[in-house]
Amino acid sequence: MPSEDFQLPRSRAANERLHALIPGGAHTYAKGDDQYPENVAPVISHGRGAHVWDVDGNRYIEYGSGLRSVSLGHAHPRVTEAVRREIDRGSNFVRPSLVEAEAAERFLATVPTAEMVKFAKNGSDATTAAVRLARAVTGRRRVALCADHPFFSTDDWFIGTTPMSAGIPASTNELTVAFPYGDLAATEELLTRHQDDIACLILEPATHSEPPPGYLAGLRELADRHGCVLIFDEMITGFRWSEAGAQGLYGVVPDLSTFGKALGNGFAVSALAGRRELMERGGLRHSGERVFLLSTTHGAETHSLAAAMAVQTVYAEEGVTARLHSLGERLAAGVRDAAAGMGVGEHVVVRGRASNLVFATLDENGQPSQEYRTLFLRRLLAGGVLAPSFVVSSALTDADIDHTVDAVAQACAVYRKALDAADPTPWTGGRPVKPVFRRLA
């Protein structure tokens, strides 16, 4: 494990190498070294289970693995064995393989609220396909997205609404409008104001708080009454909330839904699923105008589909969703007790469903603080915990949770000192971590 004054010379050199070759130094902005304290952004060598090793030889307990995609732990044996079997048989052909039908059958059995599914490689392609389909079937222009949810797609219809909107025409941005989560009256007002011009409502069905009673059913009714398509982005909630997603847990059926992340346990696979009447518009067996729904060279890569099938089998046979909740509950209780014990219980705050925990770092005035987040992350790293969030994987052990809670307690002791001084900078080790979405570098 790293020590209190740990240094990462090889990781620092590797980060410089990455930045020289790759814009941002990573292929996902959320993995950038600006998200970590200065000079201590580890570059990963390998991982197994709930642990990863950096290129300097340090081992960490990892949370939020693969941006929530690795929910079974790294190199899960049942998943990797399924992948190996398919790799030896070829991975991509000029015509569909039977694996595509098997993967679709398995997915639709797992998520029975959907009637058809199409696979892709990333979440953005799936959500954008859902939006395109909604526009096609309604003949409407505008997309209404939930303003309280952080990310839907790398495509223009969403990125144009963020501070990183450079390169996106204002005319495109004007076609996206927003509604607040949990507020049916405000959503109805938006739909009425743009009467007959909103193609879809797109949102995550749940995030850090449970949906208010009747909210999702109310959205379903609003979408039906106003003739728009209801889309659930289940990239995160899929499998972590229940094997059938949030729609299965809460009993509200969207017209379309998108899945990814946990679906492949780190292998690249995502899914657009939904009602046959809508999905078939992107197919060949209808007489209407064709919709270019999804057409990806690697969407049917056989080993990724095999990974998805193996993941669903493990979830069902090993009760993974229940285990994620149990581990998360244990972790949340430990972190809250550790923070309270060090007198920072109102400043280090754990939020979210037990299977999808995040934390907030608040300053002496109770306001979110990037400086205090920097202090907290630095101390966790020094304690052998890599935790941009507290999102658990099922590979964690009770010993891992106990070690994490100990590292949190040590971090909170320093946090208390910073609060008493009303100045965290002596403990940040350099510039603060930065939000992903910002206009300037």
Protein backbone atom coordinates (compact mmCIF):
# COMPACT_ATOMS: atom_id res chain seq x y z
CA MET A 1 0.00 0.00 0.00
CA PRO A 2 1.17 3.60 -0.57
CA SER A 3 2.55 5.51 2.38
CA GLU A 4 1.62 8.94 3.72
CA ASP A 5 4.36 10.75 1.76
CA PHE A 6 4.06 8.57 -1.32
CA GLN A 7 5.43 9.72 -4.65
CA LEU A 8 4.47 8.49 -8.09
CA PRO A 9 7.46 9.20 -10.35
CA ARG A 10 6.58 6.59 -12.96
CA SER A 11 2.95 7.66 -13.04
CA ARG A 12 4.02 11.29 -13.45
CA ALA A 13 6.26 10.36 -16.36
CA ALA A 14 3.50 8.23 -17.88
CA ASN A 15 1.02 11.09 -17.57
CA GLU A 16 3.40 13.37 -19.48
CA ARG A 17 3.73 10.72 -22.16
CA LEU A 18 -0.06 10.38 -22.36
CA HIS A 19 -0.59 14.14 -22.68
CA ALA A 20 2.00 14.35 -25.48
CA LEU A 21 0.06 11.82 -27.52
CA ILE A 22 -3.60 11.99 -26.43
CA PRO A 23 -5.66 15.19 -26.00
CA GLY A 24 -6.45 15.40 -22.29
CA GLY A 25 -4.10 12.54 -21.47
CA ALA A 26 -6.97 10.03 -21.34
CA HIS A 27 -9.79 8.74 -23.51
CA THR A 28 -12.49 9.83 -21.08
CA TYR A 29 -12.47 13.28 -19.50
CA ALA A 30 -13.56 11.80 -16.17
CA LYS A 31 -10.27 9.83 -16.11
CA GLY A 32 -8.11 12.92 -16.65
CA ASP A 33 -5.32 13.74 -14.23
CA ASP A 34 -7.06 17.09 -13.55
CA GLN A 35 -9.60 15.01 -11.61
CA TYR A 36 -6.89 14.02 -9.11
CA PRO A 37 -4.53 15.93 -6.82
CA GLU A 38 -1.45 17.33 -8.50
CA ASN A 39 1.33 14.82 -9.17
CA VAL A 40 -0.55 11.89 -7.61
CA ALA A 41 -2.76 10.71 -10.45
CA PRO A 42 -1.86 7.02 -10.69
CA VAL A 43 -1.48 5.40 -14.10
CA ILE A 44 -2.79 1.85 -13.89
CA SER A 45 -0.72 -1.22 -14.72
CA HIS A 46 -3.35 -3.91 -14.08
CA GLY A 47 -6.25 -4.94 -11.91
CA ARG A 48 -7.76 -8.02 -10.35
CA GLY A 49 -10.98 -8.15 -8.41
CA ALA A 50 -11.44 -4.93 -6.44
CA HIS A 51 -7.74 -4.03 -6.55
CA VAL A 52 -5.60 -2.18 -9.09
CA TRP A 53 -1.85 -1.63 -9.26
CA ASP A 54 -0.21 1.50 -10.64
CA VAL A 55 2.97 1.62 -12.70
CA ASP A 56 4.89 2.57 -9.56
CA GLY A 57 3.94 -0.74 -7.95
CA ASN A 58 1.37 0.60 -5.47
CA ARG A 59 -1.81 -1.39 -4.84
CA TYR A 60 -5.16 0.31 -4.26
CA ILE A 61 -8.67 -0.70 -3.35
CA GLU A 62 -10.62 0.72 -6.27
CA TYR A 63 -14.10 2.26 -6.33
CA GLY A 64 -16.13 3.39 -9.31
CA SER A 65 -14.18 0.86 -11.38
CA GLY A 66 -14.14 1.64 -15.09
CA LEU A 67 -16.46 4.61 -14.49
CA ARG A 68 -18.97 2.20 -12.92
CA SER A 69 -18.65 -0.35 -15.72
CA VAL A 70 -16.72 -3.04 -13.81
CA SER A 71 -19.31 -4.09 -11.26
CA LEU A 72 -18.08 -7.70 -10.84
CA GLY A 73 -14.42 -6.76 -10.34
CA HIS A 74 -11.54 -6.87 -12.80
CA ALA A 75 -10.80 -10.06 -14.76
CA HIS A 76 -13.86 -11.86 -13.42
CA PRO A 77 -13.19 -15.52 -14.26
CA ARG A 78 -16.63 -16.39 -15.66
CA VAL A 79 -16.62 -13.32 -17.89
CA THR A 80 -13.06 -13.71 -19.14
CA GLU A 81 -13.62 -17.42 -19.87
CA ALA A 82 -16.71 -16.59 -21.96
CA VAL A 83 -14.69 -13.98 -23.84
CA ARG A 84 -11.78 -16.39 -24.47
CA ARG A 85 -14.13 -18.98 -25.94
CA GLU A 86 -15.49 -16.53 -28.50
CA ILE A 87 -12.14 -14.92 -29.40
CA ASP A 88 -10.89 -18.28 -30.62
CA ARG A 89 -13.91 -18.47 -32.96
CA GLY A 90 -13.45 -15.05 -34.60
CA SER A 91 -14.91 -11.75 -33.46
CA ASN A 92 -16.55 -9.99 -36.42
CA PHE A 93 -18.02 -11.24 -39.68
CA VAL A 94 -19.61 -9.96 -42.88
CA ARG A 95 -23.02 -11.32 -41.75
CA PRO A 96 -24.67 -11.65 -38.33
CA SER A 97 -23.57 -14.47 -36.08
CA LEU A 98 -25.88 -16.62 -33.98
CA VAL A 99 -24.31 -15.02 -30.91
CA GLU A 100 -26.24 -11.83 -31.74
CA ALA A 101 -29.58 -13.65 -31.48
CA GLU A 102 -28.50 -15.41 -28.28
CA ALA A 103 -27.35 -12.15 -26.70
CA ALA A 104 -30.60 -10.41 -27.67
CA GLU A 105 -32.70 -13.26 -26.27
CA ARG A 106 -30.74 -13.22 -23.03
CA PHE A 107 -31.02 -9.43 -22.67
CA LEU A 108 -34.77 -9.37 -23.33
CA ALA A 109 -35.27 -12.17 -20.81
CA THR A 110 -33.34 -10.09 -18.26
CA VAL A 111 -35.18 -6.85 -19.11
CA PRO A 112 -38.66 -8.16 -20.00
CA THR A 113 -40.16 -4.66 -20.21
CA ALA A 114 -38.39 -4.28 -23.59
CA GLU A 115 -39.45 -6.06 -26.77
CA MET A 116 -36.47 -5.52 -29.08
CA VAL A 117 -32.81 -4.61 -28.55
CA LYS A 118 -29.90 -3.40 -30.61
CA PHE A 119 -26.33 -3.50 -29.36
CA ALA A 120 -23.58 -0.90 -29.78
CA LYS A 121 -20.22 -0.12 -28.17
CA ASN A 122 -20.86 2.98 -26.04
CA GLY A 123 -23.65 4.77 -24.26
CA SER A 124 -23.61 7.91 -26.37
CA ASP A 125 -24.44 6.00 -29.56
CA ALA A 126 -27.39 4.35 -27.83
CA THR A 127 -28.86 7.53 -26.34
CA THR A 128 -28.42 9.45 -29.59
CA ALA A 129 -30.12 6.62 -31.50
CA ALA A 130 -33.01 6.83 -29.04
CA VAL A 131 -33.32 10.57 -29.60
CA ARG A 132 -33.14 10.17 -33.39
CA LEU A 133 -35.83 7.49 -33.30
CA ALA A 134 -38.06 9.64 -31.10
CA ARG A 135 -37.74 12.54 -33.53
CA ALA A 136 -38.52 10.28 -36.46
CA VAL A 137 -41.64 8.68 -35.01
CA THR A 138 -43.08 11.95 -33.65
CA GLY A 139 -42.00 14.28 -36.45
CA ARG A 140 -40.91 16.76 -33.75
CA ARG A 141 -37.64 18.68 -33.34
CA ARG A 142 -36.98 19.34 -29.67
CA VAL A 143 -35.39 17.09 -27.08
CA ALA A 144 -36.29 17.60 -23.40
CA LEU A 145 -33.62 16.31 -21.03
CA CYS A 146 -33.40 16.26 -17.26
CA ALA A 147 -31.31 19.24 -16.16
CA ASP A 148 -30.28 17.55 -12.90
CA HIS A 149 -28.46 14.64 -14.51
CA PRO A 150 -24.82 15.13 -15.45
CA PHE A 151 -24.33 13.29 -18.73
CA PHE A 152 -26.29 11.77 -21.59
CA SER A 153 -24.12 11.75 -24.70
CA THR A 154 -20.99 13.06 -26.42
CA ASP A 155 -23.20 14.19 -29.30
CA ASP A 156 -24.23 17.76 -30.08
CA TRP A 157 -27.80 17.57 -28.76
CA PHE A 158 -26.40 17.15 -25.24
CA ILE A 159 -22.87 18.61 -25.21
CA GLY A 160 -24.26 21.88 -26.53
CA THR A 161 -26.02 22.31 -23.17
CA THR A 162 -22.77 22.07 -21.18
CA PRO A 163 -19.98 24.63 -20.58
CA MET A 164 -17.90 22.68 -23.15
CA SER A 165 -20.15 23.67 -26.06
CA ALA A 166 -17.36 24.92 -28.35
CA GLY A 167 -17.86 23.78 -31.94
CA ILE A 168 -21.62 23.27 -31.64
CA PRO A 169 -23.91 25.72 -33.52
CA ALA A 170 -26.35 27.77 -31.47
CA SER A 171 -29.14 26.53 -33.74
CA THR A 172 -28.47 22.99 -32.49
CA ASN A 173 -28.45 24.08 -28.85
CA GLU A 174 -31.84 25.75 -29.27
CA LEU A 175 -33.43 22.39 -30.01
CA THR A 176 -32.64 21.00 -26.55
CA VAL A 177 -34.69 22.11 -23.55
CA ALA A 178 -34.52 20.98 -19.93
CA PHE A 179 -36.82 19.97 -17.10
CA PRO A 180 -36.09 19.49 -13.36
CA TYR A 181 -36.08 16.01 -11.81
CA GLY A 182 -39.02 15.25 -9.56
CA ASP A 183 -41.18 18.20 -10.66
CA LEU A 184 -44.12 17.04 -12.77
CA ALA A 185 -45.75 20.48 -12.84
CA ALA A 186 -42.63 22.10 -14.32
CA THR A 187 -42.36 19.33 -16.89
CA GLU A 188 -45.98 19.72 -17.91
CA GLU A 189 -45.48 23.46 -18.25
CA LEU A 190 -42.51 22.81 -20.56
CA LEU A 191 -44.50 20.38 -22.68
CA THR A 192 -47.39 22.85 -22.91
CA ARG A 193 -45.09 25.76 -23.80
CA HIS A 194 -43.56 23.74 -26.63
CA GLN A 195 -46.82 22.07 -27.58
CA ASP A 196 -46.42 19.47 -30.34
CA ASP A 197 -42.69 20.22 -30.67
CA ILE A 198 -41.04 17.99 -28.03
CA ALA A 199 -40.08 14.59 -29.39
CA CYS A 200 -38.98 12.96 -26.14
CA LEU A 201 -38.30 13.20 -22.44
CA ILE A 202 -34.93 11.64 -21.57
CA LEU A 203 -33.70 11.13 -18.01
CA GLU A 204 -32.04 8.74 -15.64
CA PRO A 205 -34.95 7.13 -13.77
CA ALA A 206 -33.05 7.53 -10.47
CA THR A 207 -29.71 8.89 -9.29
CA HIS A 208 -28.52 9.95 -5.84
CA SER A 209 -32.06 10.07 -4.47
CA GLU A 210 -35.07 7.84 -4.96
CA PRO A 211 -37.74 9.12 -7.35
CA PRO A 212 -40.57 10.86 -5.47
CA PRO A 213 -43.66 8.66 -5.08
CA GLY A 214 -45.61 8.59 -8.31
CA TYR A 215 -43.04 10.63 -10.23
CA LEU A 216 -42.01 8.11 -12.88
CA ALA A 217 -45.62 7.03 -13.41
CA GLY A 218 -46.53 10.70 -13.72
CA LEU A 219 -43.89 11.18 -16.41
CA ARG A 220 -45.29 8.15 -18.23
CA GLU A 221 -48.74 9.76 -18.19
CA LEU A 222 -47.40 13.15 -19.34
CA ALA A 223 -45.52 11.57 -22.23
CA ASP A 224 -48.63 9.69 -23.31
CA ARG A 225 -50.87 12.74 -23.04
CA HIS A 226 -48.49 15.02 -24.94
CA GLY A 227 -47.55 12.42 -27.55
CA CYS A 228 -43.81 12.28 -26.85
CA VAL A 229 -41.45 9.36 -26.31
CA LEU A 230 -40.29 8.51 -22.77
CA ILE A 231 -36.62 7.43 -22.67
CA PHE A 232 -34.90 6.04 -19.58
CA ASP A 233 -31.11 6.30 -19.60
CA GLU A 234 -30.23 3.18 -17.58
CA MET A 235 -26.48 3.29 -18.18
CA ILE A 236 -25.94 3.45 -14.42
CA THR A 237 -29.19 2.09 -12.98
CA GLY A 238 -29.16 -0.97 -15.24
CA PHE A 239 -28.21 -4.02 -13.12
CA ARG A 240 -27.13 -1.89 -10.13
CA TRP A 241 -30.75 -1.08 -9.21
CA SER A 242 -32.08 -4.46 -10.28
CA GLU A 243 -31.21 -7.01 -12.95
CA ALA A 244 -34.11 -5.56 -14.95
CA GLY A 245 -32.98 -1.99 -14.38
CA ALA A 246 -34.81 0.79 -12.60
CA GLN A 247 -37.81 0.20 -14.85
CA GLY A 248 -38.05 -3.31 -13.42
CA LEU A 249 -37.62 -2.07 -9.85
CA TYR A 250 -40.10 0.81 -10.00
CA GLY A 251 -42.58 -0.82 -12.38
CA VAL A 252 -42.76 2.00 -14.95
CA VAL A 253 -42.15 1.02 -18.57
CA PRO A 254 -40.45 3.58 -20.84
CA ASP A 255 -40.86 3.57 -24.61
CA LEU A 256 -37.10 3.27 -25.05
CA SER A 257 -34.22 2.63 -22.67
CA THR A 258 -30.45 2.52 -22.93
CA PHE A 259 -28.03 0.26 -21.07
CA GLY A 260 -24.25 0.00 -20.82
CA LYS A 261 -21.53 0.18 -18.16
CA ALA A 262 -22.27 -2.88 -15.98
CA LEU A 263 -23.59 -4.79 -19.01
CA GLY A 264 -20.10 -5.85 -20.14
CA ASN A 265 -18.03 -5.69 -16.92
CA GLY A 266 -15.50 -3.51 -18.72
CA PHE A 267 -15.95 -4.95 -22.21
CA ALA A 268 -17.39 -2.51 -24.74
CA VAL A 269 -21.10 -3.16 -25.15
CA SER A 270 -24.19 -1.01 -24.81
CA ALA A 271 -27.82 -1.50 -25.74
CA LEU A 272 -30.85 0.38 -26.99
CA ALA A 273 -34.05 -1.43 -26.07
CA GLY A 274 -37.73 -0.68 -26.27
CA ARG A 275 -41.15 -1.18 -27.75
CA ARG A 276 -41.26 -3.21 -30.96
CA GLU A 277 -43.47 -0.63 -32.68
CA LEU A 278 -40.75 1.99 -32.29
CA MET A 279 -37.64 -0.15 -32.63
CA GLU A 280 -38.82 -1.80 -35.85
CA ARG A 281 -38.78 1.63 -37.51
CA GLY A 282 -35.02 1.15 -37.63
CA GLY A 283 -35.46 -2.27 -39.22
CA LEU A 284 -36.59 -3.74 -42.53
CA ARG A 285 -40.02 -5.19 -41.75
CA HIS A 286 -42.26 -2.14 -42.05
CA SER A 287 -43.63 -0.04 -44.89
CA GLY A 288 -42.80 3.41 -43.53
CA GLU A 289 -39.86 5.76 -43.93
CA ARG A 290 -36.62 4.14 -42.81
CA VAL A 291 -34.77 5.38 -39.73
CA PHE A 292 -30.99 5.08 -39.53
CA LEU A 293 -31.13 3.72 -36.00
CA LEU A 294 -27.78 2.12 -35.16
CA SER A 295 -25.23 0.72 -37.60
CA THR A 296 -21.86 0.07 -36.04
CA THR A 297 -19.01 -2.04 -37.40
CA HIS A 298 -18.13 -3.39 -33.96
CA GLY A 299 -21.58 -3.40 -32.33
CA ALA A 300 -21.91 -7.15 -32.75
CA GLU A 301 -18.36 -8.07 -31.75
CA THR A 302 -18.93 -11.59 -30.51
CA HIS A 303 -16.65 -11.62 -27.48
CA SER A 304 -18.27 -8.46 -26.06
CA LEU A 305 -21.72 -9.98 -26.48
CA ALA A 306 -20.42 -13.13 -24.79
CA ALA A 307 -19.20 -10.95 -21.92
CA ALA A 308 -22.66 -9.39 -21.62
CA MET A 309 -24.34 -12.78 -21.48
CA ALA A 310 -21.88 -13.99 -18.85
CA VAL A 311 -22.44 -10.86 -16.77
CA GLN A 312 -26.21 -11.41 -16.80
CA THR A 313 -25.71 -15.05 -15.79
CA VAL A 314 -23.46 -14.08 -12.87
CA TYR A 315 -25.90 -11.40 -11.69
CA ALA A 316 -28.79 -13.85 -11.73
CA GLU A 317 -27.01 -16.88 -10.26
CA GLU A 318 -24.90 -15.11 -7.64
CA GLY A 319 -27.31 -12.41 -6.47
CA VAL A 320 -24.91 -9.63 -7.43
CA THR A 321 -27.37 -6.74 -7.16
CA ALA A 322 -28.19 -7.69 -3.57
CA ARG A 323 -24.48 -8.02 -2.79
CA LEU A 324 -23.76 -4.56 -4.21
CA HIS A 325 -26.41 -3.10 -1.95
CA SER A 326 -25.10 -4.98 1.09
CA LEU A 327 -21.52 -3.87 0.49
CA GLY A 328 -22.61 -0.31 -0.13
CA GLU A 329 -24.65 -0.20 3.06
CA ARG A 330 -21.68 -1.46 5.07
CA LEU A 331 -19.37 1.08 3.44
CA ALA A 332 -21.76 4.01 3.85
CA ALA A 333 -22.29 3.27 7.53
CA GLY A 334 -18.53 2.96 8.11
CA VAL A 335 -17.69 6.19 6.30
CA ARG A 336 -20.41 8.12 8.11
CA ASP A 337 -19.24 6.80 11.49
CA ALA A 338 -15.60 7.61 10.67
CA ALA A 339 -16.47 11.14 9.53
CA ALA A 340 -18.63 11.77 12.58
CA GLY A 341 -15.94 10.38 14.87
CA MET A 342 -13.45 12.92 13.51
CA GLY A 343 -15.93 15.77 13.75
CA VAL A 344 -16.53 16.20 10.03
CA GLY A 345 -19.80 14.33 9.67
CA GLU A 346 -21.47 17.40 8.18
CA HIS A 347 -18.63 17.98 5.72
CA VAL A 348 -17.81 14.52 4.29
CA VAL A 349 -21.23 13.36 3.16
CA VAL A 350 -22.12 10.03 1.54
CA ARG A 351 -25.09 10.11 -0.83
CA GLY A 352 -26.93 7.83 -3.20
CA ARG A 353 -28.32 4.34 -3.44
CA ALA A 354 -26.15 1.81 -1.63
CA SER A 355 -25.09 0.24 -4.94
CA ASN A 356 -24.06 3.62 -6.38
CA LEU A 357 -22.58 5.77 -3.61
CA VAL A 358 -20.91 9.13 -4.16
CA PHE A 359 -19.49 11.56 -1.66
CA ALA A 360 -19.60 15.32 -1.23
CA THR A 361 -16.82 17.39 0.34
CA LEU A 362 -18.11 20.55 1.98
CA ASP A 363 -16.14 23.51 3.32
CA GLU A 364 -16.45 25.30 6.66
CA ASN A 365 -19.59 27.06 5.33
CA GLY A 366 -21.19 23.83 4.17
CA GLN A 367 -20.57 24.59 0.48
CA PRO A 368 -19.18 22.07 -2.06
CA SER A 369 -15.42 22.53 -2.31
CA GLN A 370 -12.94 21.29 -4.89
CA GLU A 371 -10.11 22.20 -2.48
CA TYR A 372 -11.47 19.95 0.25
CA ARG A 373 -12.14 17.23 -2.32
CA THR A 374 -8.47 17.47 -3.29
CA LEU A 375 -7.37 17.07 0.31
CA PHE A 376 -9.68 14.11 0.79
CA LEU A 377 -8.62 12.32 -2.42
CA ARG A 378 -4.93 12.84 -1.65
CA ARG A 379 -5.28 11.30 1.79
CA LEU A 380 -7.29 8.36 0.46
CA LEU A 381 -4.65 7.69 -2.20
CA ALA A 382 -1.97 7.79 0.48
CA GLY A 383 -4.01 5.20 2.38
CA GLY A 384 -4.23 2.88 -0.62
CA VAL A 385 -7.76 3.78 -1.71
CA LEU A 386 -8.51 4.99 -5.25
CA ALA A 387 -11.98 6.48 -4.90
CA PRO A 388 -13.34 9.19 -7.17
CA SER A 389 -16.65 7.88 -5.79
CA PHE A 390 -17.67 5.13 -3.38
CA VAL A 391 -19.37 3.02 -6.07
CA VAL A 392 -18.77 -0.58 -5.06
CA SER A 393 -18.01 -3.72 -7.05
CA SER A 394 -19.06 -7.18 -5.92
CA ALA A 395 -15.38 -8.20 -5.68
CA LEU A 396 -14.88 -6.12 -2.53
CA THR A 397 -14.39 -8.03 0.70
CA ASP A 398 -15.25 -7.07 4.26
CA ALA A 399 -11.52 -6.52 4.80
CA ASP A 400 -11.46 -4.09 1.87
CA ILE A 401 -14.35 -2.15 3.37
CA ASP A 402 -12.65 -2.07 6.78
CA HIS A 403 -9.41 -0.81 5.25
CA THR A 404 -11.33 1.85 3.32
CA VAL A 405 -13.07 3.06 6.47
CA ASP A 406 -9.70 3.28 8.25
CA ALA A 407 -8.29 5.34 5.36
CA VAL A 408 -11.37 7.59 5.46
CA ALA A 409 -10.88 8.12 9.21
CA GLN A 410 -7.26 9.18 8.64
CA ALA A 411 -8.35 11.51 5.84
CA CYS A 412 -11.06 12.98 8.03
CA ALA A 413 -8.55 13.73 10.79
CA VAL A 414 -6.65 15.94 8.34
CA TYR A 415 -9.94 17.36 7.06
CA ARG A 416 -10.73 18.47 10.62
CA LYS A 417 -7.41 20.29 10.84
CA ALA A 418 -8.14 22.10 7.60
CA LEU A 419 -11.61 23.10 8.77
CA ASP A 420 -10.17 24.43 12.02
CA ALA A 421 -7.69 26.49 10.00
CA ALA A 422 -10.42 27.48 7.53
CA ASP A 423 -7.84 26.76 4.84
CA PRO A 424 -7.25 23.38 3.16
CA THR A 425 -4.41 24.54 0.90
CA PRO A 426 -1.54 23.34 3.17
CA TRP A 427 -2.88 19.80 2.66
CA THR A 428 -3.86 19.84 -1.04
CA GLY A 429 -0.32 19.50 -2.39
CA GLY A 430 -0.97 21.86 -5.32
CA ARG A 431 -3.81 23.01 -7.52
CA PRO A 432 -7.30 21.72 -6.70
CA VAL A 433 -9.04 19.06 -8.73
CA LYS A 434 -11.33 20.49 -11.40
CA PRO A 435 -14.86 19.78 -12.62
CA VAL A 436 -15.05 17.86 -15.90
CA PHE A 437 -17.39 20.33 -17.56
CA ARG A 438 -15.72 23.75 -17.65
CA ARG A 439 -15.29 26.25 -20.44
CA LEU A 440 -11.57 26.92 -20.05
CA ALA A 441 -8.70 24.47 -19.59
